[in-house]
Amino acid sequence: MSLKTFIRRPQDCSSALRHAFAEVVISGEEMDERQVLLGMPYAEVLLFTVEGQTVIGACALRYPKLSFLRHLFEKAGKPEMCNPHSIEECWLSVHPDHRGKGVWAHNRQAKVSYLGNRPYHSVMRADNLNVVNPDKEEKYVTVGTDFHSHISDHKLRLMVVNHDPVFDPEKRLVYL
């Protein structure tokens, strides 16, 4: 199996490529096509992991509204950690037929290379069994406690990379 991950701005993607992205995200049964297609233009970039010509893994990086970002950190019980420069990793999905093949690791490697030392975060279902151990697989740190929010019927967990215990506005996008 030969995997390749590439990164594109949503506006640089063909309609077919956007729909292939949406199909992979929908296959994870977390979102519906309408939600993905409506939210896609707000992404900074989309990551596609392909095997041959078939998209089998997907991820988006986007800047959420500051009010939503604050909501997440408040719900997790750590509002002082909220970094307004944090980019959100979302819609990370691997098509069920291709799980266990290293797709996520391949996608993650491209994402980490793209983001460098920028602060970023992700929200995941606390009971998501498809995510083995994000603390181990990446430099993610769990923020506060798991929480309930209007964005999901599930208990959620906020994970961050390159965030300080108390946001330091002097650092902006420089985290070493």
N, C-alpha and C. Protein backbone atom coordinates (compact mmCIF):
# COMPACT_ATOMS: atom_id res chain seq x y z
N MET A 1 0.85 -1.18 0.00
CA MET A 1 0.00 0.00 0.00
C MET A 1 0.89 1.24 0.00
N SER A 2 0.62 2.13 -0.91
CA SER A 2 1.37 3.37 -1.01
C SER A 2 0.45 4.54 -0.68
N LEU A 3 0.70 5.18 0.48
CA LEU A 3 -0.11 6.31 0.90
C LEU A 3 0.57 7.62 0.53
N LYS A 4 -0.24 8.59 0.23
CA LYS A 4 0.24 9.94 -0.04
C LYS A 4 -0.73 10.89 0.63
N THR A 5 -0.20 11.90 1.32
CA THR A 5 -1.06 12.93 1.91
C THR A 5 -0.69 14.26 1.28
N PHE A 6 -1.71 14.98 0.86
CA PHE A 6 -1.47 16.31 0.30
C PHE A 6 -2.43 17.30 0.95
N ILE A 7 -2.06 18.56 0.89
CA ILE A 7 -2.78 19.63 1.55
C ILE A 7 -3.23 20.64 0.50
N ARG A 8 -4.52 21.04 0.60
CA ARG A 8 -5.06 22.03 -0.34
C ARG A 8 -5.97 23.00 0.41
N ARG A 9 -5.98 24.24 -0.05
CA ARG A 9 -6.98 25.18 0.44
C ARG A 9 -8.31 24.76 -0.18
N PRO A 10 -9.42 24.90 0.54
CA PRO A 10 -10.71 24.46 -0.01
C PRO A 10 -11.03 25.07 -1.37
N GLN A 11 -10.70 26.34 -1.55
CA GLN A 11 -11.01 27.00 -2.82
C GLN A 11 -10.16 26.47 -3.98
N ASP A 12 -9.11 25.74 -3.69
CA ASP A 12 -8.27 25.15 -4.73
C ASP A 12 -8.66 23.71 -5.07
N CYS A 13 -9.72 23.22 -4.44
CA CYS A 13 -10.16 21.84 -4.65
C CYS A 13 -11.29 21.79 -5.67
N SER A 14 -11.27 20.78 -6.51
CA SER A 14 -12.38 20.56 -7.43
C SER A 14 -13.61 20.13 -6.64
N SER A 15 -14.75 20.21 -7.27
CA SER A 15 -15.98 19.75 -6.64
C SER A 15 -15.88 18.26 -6.29
N ALA A 16 -15.30 17.48 -7.18
CA ALA A 16 -15.15 16.03 -6.93
C ALA A 16 -14.26 15.77 -5.72
N LEU A 17 -13.19 16.55 -5.58
CA LEU A 17 -12.28 16.36 -4.45
C LEU A 17 -12.96 16.77 -3.14
N ARG A 18 -13.73 17.86 -3.15
CA ARG A 18 -14.47 18.28 -1.95
C ARG A 18 -15.48 17.20 -1.55
N HIS A 19 -16.16 16.61 -2.52
CA HIS A 19 -17.14 15.56 -2.21
C HIS A 19 -16.45 14.29 -1.71
N ALA A 20 -15.28 13.96 -2.24
CA ALA A 20 -14.53 12.80 -1.74
C ALA A 20 -14.12 13.04 -0.29
N PHE A 21 -13.69 14.26 0.04
CA PHE A 21 -13.36 14.63 1.42
C PHE A 21 -14.58 14.41 2.30
N ALA A 22 -15.73 14.97 1.86
CA ALA A 22 -16.96 14.85 2.65
C ALA A 22 -17.36 13.39 2.85
N GLU A 23 -17.21 12.57 1.84
CA GLU A 23 -17.58 11.15 1.95
C GLU A 23 -16.76 10.45 3.02
N VAL A 24 -15.47 10.76 3.10
CA VAL A 24 -14.64 10.13 4.13
C VAL A 24 -15.07 10.59 5.52
N VAL A 25 -15.32 11.88 5.67
CA VAL A 25 -15.75 12.41 6.97
C VAL A 25 -17.09 11.80 7.37
N ILE A 26 -18.01 11.71 6.43
CA ILE A 26 -19.34 11.15 6.70
C ILE A 26 -19.24 9.67 7.06
N SER A 27 -18.27 8.97 6.49
CA SER A 27 -18.11 7.54 6.78
C SER A 27 -17.82 7.29 8.26
N GLY A 28 -17.30 8.32 8.95
CA GLY A 28 -17.05 8.21 10.39
C GLY A 28 -18.30 8.38 11.23
N GLU A 29 -19.41 8.70 10.59
CA GLU A 29 -20.73 8.83 11.22
C GLU A 29 -20.79 9.89 12.31
N GLU A 30 -19.97 10.93 12.18
CA GLU A 30 -20.00 12.03 13.14
C GLU A 30 -20.70 13.26 12.56
N MET A 31 -20.66 13.40 11.25
CA MET A 31 -21.20 14.58 10.59
C MET A 31 -22.02 14.14 9.38
N ASP A 32 -22.93 15.03 8.94
CA ASP A 32 -23.61 14.73 7.69
C ASP A 32 -23.01 15.58 6.57
N GLU A 33 -23.30 15.23 5.33
CA GLU A 33 -22.68 15.88 4.18
C GLU A 33 -22.94 17.38 4.16
N ARG A 34 -24.14 17.78 4.51
CA ARG A 34 -24.49 19.20 4.49
C ARG A 34 -23.60 19.99 5.44
N GLN A 35 -23.40 19.47 6.67
CA GLN A 35 -22.55 20.16 7.66
C GLN A 35 -21.12 20.29 7.15
N VAL A 36 -20.61 19.24 6.56
CA VAL A 36 -19.23 19.25 6.08
C VAL A 36 -19.08 20.23 4.92
N LEU A 37 -19.97 20.14 3.94
CA LEU A 37 -19.85 21.00 2.76
C LEU A 37 -20.06 22.48 3.11
N LEU A 38 -20.94 22.76 4.08
CA LEU A 38 -21.13 24.15 4.50
C LEU A 38 -19.93 24.68 5.30
N GLY A 39 -19.30 23.82 6.08
CA GLY A 39 -18.17 24.25 6.90
C GLY A 39 -16.84 24.27 6.17
N MET A 40 -16.74 23.51 5.09
CA MET A 40 -15.48 23.37 4.37
C MET A 40 -14.85 24.70 3.93
N PRO A 41 -15.62 25.67 3.41
CA PRO A 41 -15.00 26.92 2.97
C PRO A 41 -14.31 27.70 4.09
N TYR A 42 -14.63 27.41 5.34
CA TYR A 42 -14.03 28.13 6.47
C TYR A 42 -12.72 27.51 6.93
N ALA A 43 -12.35 26.40 6.33
CA ALA A 43 -11.09 25.75 6.69
C ALA A 43 -9.92 26.52 6.08
N GLU A 44 -8.82 26.56 6.81
CA GLU A 44 -7.59 27.11 6.24
C GLU A 44 -7.09 26.16 5.17
N VAL A 45 -7.01 24.88 5.53
CA VAL A 45 -6.59 23.85 4.59
C VAL A 45 -7.32 22.54 4.87
N LEU A 46 -7.34 21.69 3.84
CA LEU A 46 -7.86 20.34 3.96
C LEU A 46 -6.71 19.38 3.69
N LEU A 47 -6.64 18.31 4.47
CA LEU A 47 -5.62 17.29 4.26
C LEU A 47 -6.30 16.04 3.71
N PHE A 48 -5.74 15.50 2.64
CA PHE A 48 -6.27 14.32 1.98
C PHE A 48 -5.20 13.24 2.01
N THR A 49 -5.54 12.07 2.54
CA THR A 49 -4.65 10.93 2.43
C THR A 49 -5.28 9.99 1.42
N VAL A 50 -4.48 9.65 0.42
CA VAL A 50 -4.99 8.83 -0.69
C VAL A 50 -4.19 7.55 -0.83
N GLU A 51 -4.86 6.56 -1.34
CA GLU A 51 -4.23 5.32 -1.78
C GLU A 51 -4.57 5.24 -3.26
N GLY A 52 -3.57 5.40 -4.10
CA GLY A 52 -3.83 5.51 -5.53
C GLY A 52 -4.58 6.81 -5.79
N GLN A 53 -5.76 6.71 -6.35
CA GLN A 53 -6.59 7.89 -6.63
C GLN A 53 -7.76 8.01 -5.66
N THR A 54 -7.80 7.15 -4.65
CA THR A 54 -8.94 7.11 -3.72
C THR A 54 -8.61 7.81 -2.41
N VAL A 55 -9.46 8.78 -2.03
CA VAL A 55 -9.30 9.46 -0.75
C VAL A 55 -9.78 8.52 0.34
N ILE A 56 -8.89 8.18 1.28
CA ILE A 56 -9.24 7.25 2.35
C ILE A 56 -9.08 7.86 3.74
N GLY A 57 -8.49 9.07 3.81
CA GLY A 57 -8.32 9.78 5.07
C GLY A 57 -8.47 11.27 4.84
N ALA A 58 -9.01 11.97 5.84
CA ALA A 58 -9.26 13.40 5.69
C ALA A 58 -9.11 14.11 7.02
N CYS A 59 -8.79 15.39 6.93
CA CYS A 59 -8.66 16.24 8.12
C CYS A 59 -8.76 17.69 7.65
N ALA A 60 -9.31 18.55 8.49
CA ALA A 60 -9.36 19.98 8.18
C ALA A 60 -8.68 20.75 9.31
N LEU A 61 -8.08 21.87 8.94
CA LEU A 61 -7.50 22.80 9.90
C LEU A 61 -8.18 24.13 9.69
N ARG A 62 -8.75 24.68 10.75
CA ARG A 62 -9.48 25.94 10.61
C ARG A 62 -9.39 26.76 11.89
N TYR A 63 -9.62 28.06 11.73
CA TYR A 63 -9.71 28.95 12.87
C TYR A 63 -11.17 29.06 13.28
N PRO A 64 -11.51 28.60 14.48
CA PRO A 64 -12.90 28.74 14.92
C PRO A 64 -13.17 30.18 15.37
N LYS A 65 -14.44 30.51 15.47
CA LYS A 65 -14.81 31.82 16.02
C LYS A 65 -14.26 31.88 17.44
N LEU A 66 -13.79 33.06 17.83
CA LEU A 66 -13.21 33.24 19.17
C LEU A 66 -14.23 32.89 20.26
N SER A 67 -15.50 33.24 20.05
CA SER A 67 -16.52 32.93 21.06
C SER A 67 -16.64 31.41 21.25
N PHE A 68 -16.55 30.65 20.17
CA PHE A 68 -16.62 29.20 20.28
C PHE A 68 -15.38 28.64 20.96
N LEU A 69 -14.22 29.18 20.61
CA LEU A 69 -12.97 28.74 21.23
C LEU A 69 -13.02 28.99 22.74
N ARG A 70 -13.47 30.16 23.13
CA ARG A 70 -13.60 30.45 24.57
C ARG A 70 -14.58 29.49 25.24
N HIS A 71 -15.67 29.18 24.54
CA HIS A 71 -16.66 28.24 25.06
C HIS A 71 -16.02 26.89 25.38
N LEU A 72 -15.19 26.39 24.46
CA LEU A 72 -14.54 25.09 24.67
C LEU A 72 -13.67 25.09 25.92
N PHE A 73 -12.84 26.12 26.06
CA PHE A 73 -11.93 26.16 27.20
C PHE A 73 -12.69 26.38 28.52
N GLU A 74 -13.76 27.16 28.47
CA GLU A 74 -14.58 27.34 29.66
C GLU A 74 -15.26 26.03 30.06
N LYS A 75 -15.81 25.32 29.07
CA LYS A 75 -16.46 24.04 29.36
C LYS A 75 -15.48 23.02 29.94
N ALA A 76 -14.23 23.07 29.49
CA ALA A 76 -13.21 22.16 30.00
C ALA A 76 -12.69 22.62 31.37
N GLY A 77 -13.10 23.81 31.81
CA GLY A 77 -12.68 24.31 33.12
C GLY A 77 -11.34 25.00 33.11
N LYS A 78 -10.83 25.40 31.93
CA LYS A 78 -9.51 26.04 31.83
C LYS A 78 -9.57 27.28 30.93
N PRO A 79 -10.39 28.27 31.25
CA PRO A 79 -10.51 29.44 30.36
C PRO A 79 -9.19 30.20 30.19
N GLU A 80 -8.30 30.12 31.18
CA GLU A 80 -7.03 30.84 31.11
C GLU A 80 -6.09 30.28 30.04
N MET A 81 -6.36 29.07 29.57
CA MET A 81 -5.52 28.46 28.54
C MET A 81 -5.94 28.85 27.12
N CYS A 82 -7.07 29.48 26.98
CA CYS A 82 -7.60 29.79 25.64
C CYS A 82 -6.64 30.68 24.87
N ASN A 83 -6.13 30.17 23.76
CA ASN A 83 -5.21 30.90 22.91
C ASN A 83 -5.96 31.30 21.63
N PRO A 84 -6.23 32.58 21.42
CA PRO A 84 -7.02 32.99 20.25
C PRO A 84 -6.33 32.71 18.91
N HIS A 85 -5.07 32.35 18.95
CA HIS A 85 -4.33 32.04 17.73
C HIS A 85 -4.34 30.54 17.41
N SER A 86 -5.01 29.76 18.24
CA SER A 86 -5.03 28.30 18.07
C SER A 86 -5.87 27.91 16.85
N ILE A 87 -5.33 27.01 16.07
CA ILE A 87 -6.05 26.49 14.92
C ILE A 87 -6.68 25.16 15.33
N GLU A 88 -7.85 24.90 14.83
CA GLU A 88 -8.58 23.69 15.21
C GLU A 88 -8.37 22.58 14.18
N GLU A 89 -7.98 21.42 14.68
CA GLU A 89 -7.96 20.23 13.84
C GLU A 89 -9.34 19.60 13.97
N CYS A 90 -10.00 19.41 12.84
CA CYS A 90 -11.34 18.84 12.92
C CYS A 90 -11.58 17.88 11.77
N TRP A 91 -12.65 17.12 11.90
CA TRP A 91 -13.10 16.17 10.89
C TRP A 91 -12.06 15.12 10.55
N LEU A 92 -11.18 14.83 11.47
CA LEU A 92 -10.18 13.79 11.22
C LEU A 92 -10.91 12.46 11.09
N SER A 93 -10.81 11.88 9.91
CA SER A 93 -11.53 10.64 9.63
C SER A 93 -10.71 9.73 8.74
N VAL A 94 -10.85 8.45 9.00
CA VAL A 94 -10.28 7.42 8.14
C VAL A 94 -11.46 6.53 7.73
N HIS A 95 -11.59 6.29 6.44
CA HIS A 95 -12.69 5.46 5.97
C HIS A 95 -12.61 4.11 6.68
N PRO A 96 -13.75 3.59 7.17
CA PRO A 96 -13.74 2.33 7.93
C PRO A 96 -13.06 1.16 7.21
N ASP A 97 -13.12 1.13 5.90
CA ASP A 97 -12.48 0.03 5.15
C ASP A 97 -10.96 0.12 5.17
N HIS A 98 -10.42 1.24 5.64
CA HIS A 98 -8.97 1.44 5.59
C HIS A 98 -8.34 1.68 6.96
N ARG A 99 -9.10 1.46 8.01
CA ARG A 99 -8.56 1.64 9.36
C ARG A 99 -7.55 0.54 9.66
N GLY A 100 -6.54 0.91 10.46
CA GLY A 100 -5.51 -0.04 10.83
C GLY A 100 -4.38 -0.16 9.82
N LYS A 101 -4.38 0.72 8.81
CA LYS A 101 -3.36 0.68 7.76
C LYS A 101 -2.33 1.80 7.88
N GLY A 102 -2.41 2.59 8.96
CA GLY A 102 -1.47 3.69 9.12
C GLY A 102 -1.90 4.99 8.47
N VAL A 103 -3.16 5.07 8.05
CA VAL A 103 -3.66 6.27 7.38
C VAL A 103 -3.58 7.48 8.30
N TRP A 104 -4.03 7.31 9.53
CA TRP A 104 -4.04 8.41 10.49
C TRP A 104 -2.62 8.90 10.74
N ALA A 105 -1.70 8.00 10.94
CA ALA A 105 -0.31 8.39 11.20
C ALA A 105 0.26 9.16 10.01
N HIS A 106 -0.06 8.74 8.81
CA HIS A 106 0.42 9.41 7.61
C HIS A 106 -0.17 10.83 7.52
N ASN A 107 -1.47 10.94 7.78
CA ASN A 107 -2.15 12.23 7.75
C ASN A 107 -1.58 13.14 8.84
N ARG A 108 -1.37 12.58 10.03
CA ARG A 108 -0.85 13.35 11.17
C ARG A 108 0.54 13.90 10.87
N GLN A 109 1.38 13.11 10.23
CA GLN A 109 2.73 13.55 9.90
C GLN A 109 2.70 14.78 8.99
N ALA A 110 1.81 14.78 8.01
CA ALA A 110 1.68 15.94 7.11
C ALA A 110 1.15 17.15 7.87
N LYS A 111 0.19 16.91 8.78
CA LYS A 111 -0.38 18.01 9.56
C LYS A 111 0.67 18.64 10.46
N VAL A 112 1.43 17.83 11.17
CA VAL A 112 2.45 18.34 12.09
C VAL A 112 3.51 19.12 11.31
N SER A 113 3.87 18.62 10.14
CA SER A 113 4.85 19.32 9.31
C SER A 113 4.29 20.68 8.86
N TYR A 114 3.04 20.72 8.48
CA TYR A 114 2.41 21.96 8.04
C TYR A 114 2.30 22.97 9.18
N LEU A 115 1.88 22.51 10.36
CA LEU A 115 1.63 23.42 11.49
C LEU A 115 2.92 23.88 12.18
N GLY A 116 3.95 23.07 12.13
CA GLY A 116 5.19 23.45 12.82
C GLY A 116 4.93 23.65 14.30
N ASN A 117 5.31 24.81 14.83
CA ASN A 117 5.14 25.06 16.27
C ASN A 117 3.93 25.94 16.58
N ARG A 118 3.01 26.06 15.64
CA ARG A 118 1.79 26.84 15.90
C ARG A 118 0.93 26.14 16.94
N PRO A 119 0.22 26.90 17.76
CA PRO A 119 -0.71 26.27 18.71
C PRO A 119 -1.93 25.72 17.96
N TYR A 120 -2.35 24.51 18.36
CA TYR A 120 -3.57 23.96 17.78
C TYR A 120 -4.30 23.10 18.80
N HIS A 121 -5.54 22.81 18.48
CA HIS A 121 -6.38 22.05 19.41
C HIS A 121 -7.33 21.15 18.62
N SER A 122 -7.93 20.23 19.35
CA SER A 122 -8.91 19.33 18.76
C SER A 122 -9.93 18.96 19.84
N VAL A 123 -11.14 18.75 19.41
CA VAL A 123 -12.21 18.29 20.30
C VAL A 123 -12.59 16.90 19.83
N MET A 124 -12.63 15.96 20.75
CA MET A 124 -12.99 14.59 20.38
C MET A 124 -14.01 14.04 21.37
N ARG A 125 -14.74 13.04 20.94
CA ARG A 125 -15.63 12.35 21.87
C ARG A 125 -14.77 11.66 22.91
N ALA A 126 -15.12 11.81 24.16
CA ALA A 126 -14.34 11.19 25.24
C ALA A 126 -14.34 9.67 25.13
N ASP A 127 -15.39 9.11 24.54
CA ASP A 127 -15.49 7.65 24.42
C ASP A 127 -15.12 7.14 23.03
N ASN A 128 -14.43 7.94 22.24
CA ASN A 128 -14.09 7.55 20.87
C ASN A 128 -13.04 6.44 20.89
N LEU A 129 -13.46 5.24 20.58
CA LEU A 129 -12.56 4.09 20.62
C LEU A 129 -11.64 4.03 19.40
N ASN A 130 -11.93 4.83 18.36
CA ASN A 130 -11.06 4.85 17.18
C ASN A 130 -9.77 5.62 17.46
N VAL A 131 -9.78 6.46 18.48
CA VAL A 131 -8.59 7.22 18.86
C VAL A 131 -7.96 6.47 20.02
N VAL A 132 -6.87 5.81 19.76
CA VAL A 132 -6.26 4.94 20.76
C VAL A 132 -5.72 5.75 21.93
N ASN A 133 -4.76 6.62 21.67
CA ASN A 133 -4.15 7.41 22.73
C ASN A 133 -3.50 8.65 22.12
N PRO A 134 -4.27 9.73 21.92
CA PRO A 134 -3.69 10.92 21.28
C PRO A 134 -2.58 11.56 22.10
N ASP A 135 -2.57 11.37 23.42
CA ASP A 135 -1.47 11.91 24.23
C ASP A 135 -0.15 11.25 23.85
N LYS A 136 -0.20 9.96 23.54
CA LYS A 136 1.00 9.20 23.20
C LYS A 136 1.41 9.42 21.74
N GLU A 137 0.43 9.43 20.84
CA GLU A 137 0.70 9.50 19.42
C GLU A 137 1.19 10.88 18.96
N GLU A 138 0.90 11.88 19.73
CA GLU A 138 1.24 13.23 19.33
C GLU A 138 1.58 14.00 20.59
N LYS A 139 1.85 15.24 20.47
CA LYS A 139 2.17 16.05 21.65
C LYS A 139 0.91 16.63 22.30
N TYR A 140 -0.23 16.01 22.04
CA TYR A 140 -1.47 16.50 22.63
C TYR A 140 -1.44 16.41 24.14
N VAL A 141 -2.07 17.37 24.77
CA VAL A 141 -2.27 17.39 26.21
C VAL A 141 -3.77 17.59 26.44
N THR A 142 -4.35 16.79 27.31
CA THR A 142 -5.75 16.95 27.64
C THR A 142 -5.92 18.20 28.50
N VAL A 143 -6.91 19.01 28.15
CA VAL A 143 -7.19 20.24 28.88
C VAL A 143 -8.35 20.01 29.85
N GLY A 144 -8.13 20.27 31.13
CA GLY A 144 -9.19 20.22 32.11
C GLY A 144 -9.88 18.88 32.17
N THR A 145 -11.20 18.94 32.22
CA THR A 145 -12.01 17.73 32.36
C THR A 145 -12.95 17.59 31.17
N ASP A 146 -13.39 16.36 30.94
CA ASP A 146 -14.35 16.11 29.87
C ASP A 146 -15.63 16.87 30.18
N PHE A 147 -16.38 17.22 29.14
CA PHE A 147 -17.54 18.09 29.32
C PHE A 147 -18.63 17.79 28.30
N HIS A 148 -19.80 18.32 28.56
CA HIS A 148 -20.92 18.28 27.61
C HIS A 148 -21.08 19.66 27.02
N SER A 149 -21.47 19.70 25.75
CA SER A 149 -21.66 20.96 25.05
C SER A 149 -22.81 20.82 24.06
N HIS A 150 -23.33 21.95 23.63
CA HIS A 150 -24.42 21.95 22.66
C HIS A 150 -23.99 21.41 21.29
N ILE A 151 -22.70 21.25 21.05
CA ILE A 151 -22.23 20.80 19.73
C ILE A 151 -22.30 19.28 19.56
N SER A 152 -22.60 18.56 20.65
CA SER A 152 -22.62 17.10 20.55
C SER A 152 -23.49 16.49 21.64
N ASP A 153 -24.02 15.33 21.35
CA ASP A 153 -24.77 14.58 22.36
C ASP A 153 -23.82 13.77 23.24
N HIS A 154 -22.54 13.73 22.87
CA HIS A 154 -21.54 12.94 23.57
C HIS A 154 -20.73 13.81 24.53
N LYS A 155 -20.13 13.16 25.51
CA LYS A 155 -19.16 13.84 26.37
C LYS A 155 -17.92 14.11 25.53
N LEU A 156 -17.34 15.31 25.66
CA LEU A 156 -16.23 15.73 24.82
C LEU A 156 -14.96 15.92 25.62
N ARG A 157 -13.83 15.88 24.91
CA ARG A 157 -12.52 16.09 25.51
C ARG A 157 -11.78 17.11 24.64
N LEU A 158 -11.19 18.11 25.27
CA LEU A 158 -10.41 19.13 24.58
C LEU A 158 -8.94 18.77 24.70
N MET A 159 -8.26 18.72 23.55
CA MET A 159 -6.84 18.37 23.48
C MET A 159 -6.10 19.54 22.83
N VAL A 160 -4.89 19.84 23.32
CA VAL A 160 -4.13 20.96 22.76
C VAL A 160 -2.67 20.58 22.52
N VAL A 161 -2.04 21.34 21.62
CA VAL A 161 -0.60 21.26 21.38
C VAL A 161 -0.09 22.69 21.34
N ASN A 162 1.04 22.93 21.97
CA ASN A 162 1.68 24.25 22.00
C ASN A 162 0.83 25.33 22.67
N HIS A 163 0.16 24.97 23.74
CA HIS A 163 -0.60 25.92 24.55
C HIS A 163 0.07 26.04 25.91
N ASP A 164 0.10 27.24 26.44
CA ASP A 164 0.63 27.46 27.78
C ASP A 164 -0.46 27.24 28.82
N PRO A 165 -0.09 26.94 30.08
CA PRO A 165 -1.10 26.81 31.14
C PRO A 165 -1.92 28.08 31.30
N VAL A 166 -1.30 29.23 31.03
CA VAL A 166 -2.00 30.51 30.98
C VAL A 166 -1.56 31.17 29.68
N PHE A 167 -2.53 31.55 28.84
CA PHE A 167 -2.20 32.14 27.54
C PHE A 167 -1.30 33.35 27.70
N ASP A 168 -0.22 33.39 26.93
CA ASP A 168 0.73 34.50 26.92
C ASP A 168 0.61 35.22 25.58
N PRO A 169 -0.04 36.40 25.54
CA PRO A 169 -0.25 37.09 24.27
C PRO A 169 1.03 37.54 23.59
N GLU A 170 2.13 37.61 24.33
CA GLU A 170 3.41 38.01 23.74
C GLU A 170 3.95 36.95 22.77
N LYS A 171 3.61 35.69 23.00
CA LYS A 171 4.14 34.63 22.15
C LYS A 171 3.48 34.62 20.78
N ARG A 172 2.24 35.00 20.71
CA ARG A 172 1.44 34.95 19.47
C ARG A 172 1.57 33.57 18.82
N LEU A 173 2.30 33.45 17.74
CA LEU A 173 2.38 32.17 17.04
C LEU A 173 3.72 31.48 17.23
N VAL A 174 4.53 31.93 18.19
CA VAL A 174 5.85 31.36 18.37
C VAL A 174 5.88 30.53 19.64
N TYR A 175 5.92 29.21 19.47
CA TYR A 175 5.97 28.29 20.60
C TYR A 175 7.14 27.35 20.36
N LEU A 176 8.07 27.33 21.29
CA LEU A 176 9.25 26.49 21.15
C LEU A 176 9.24 25.38 22.19
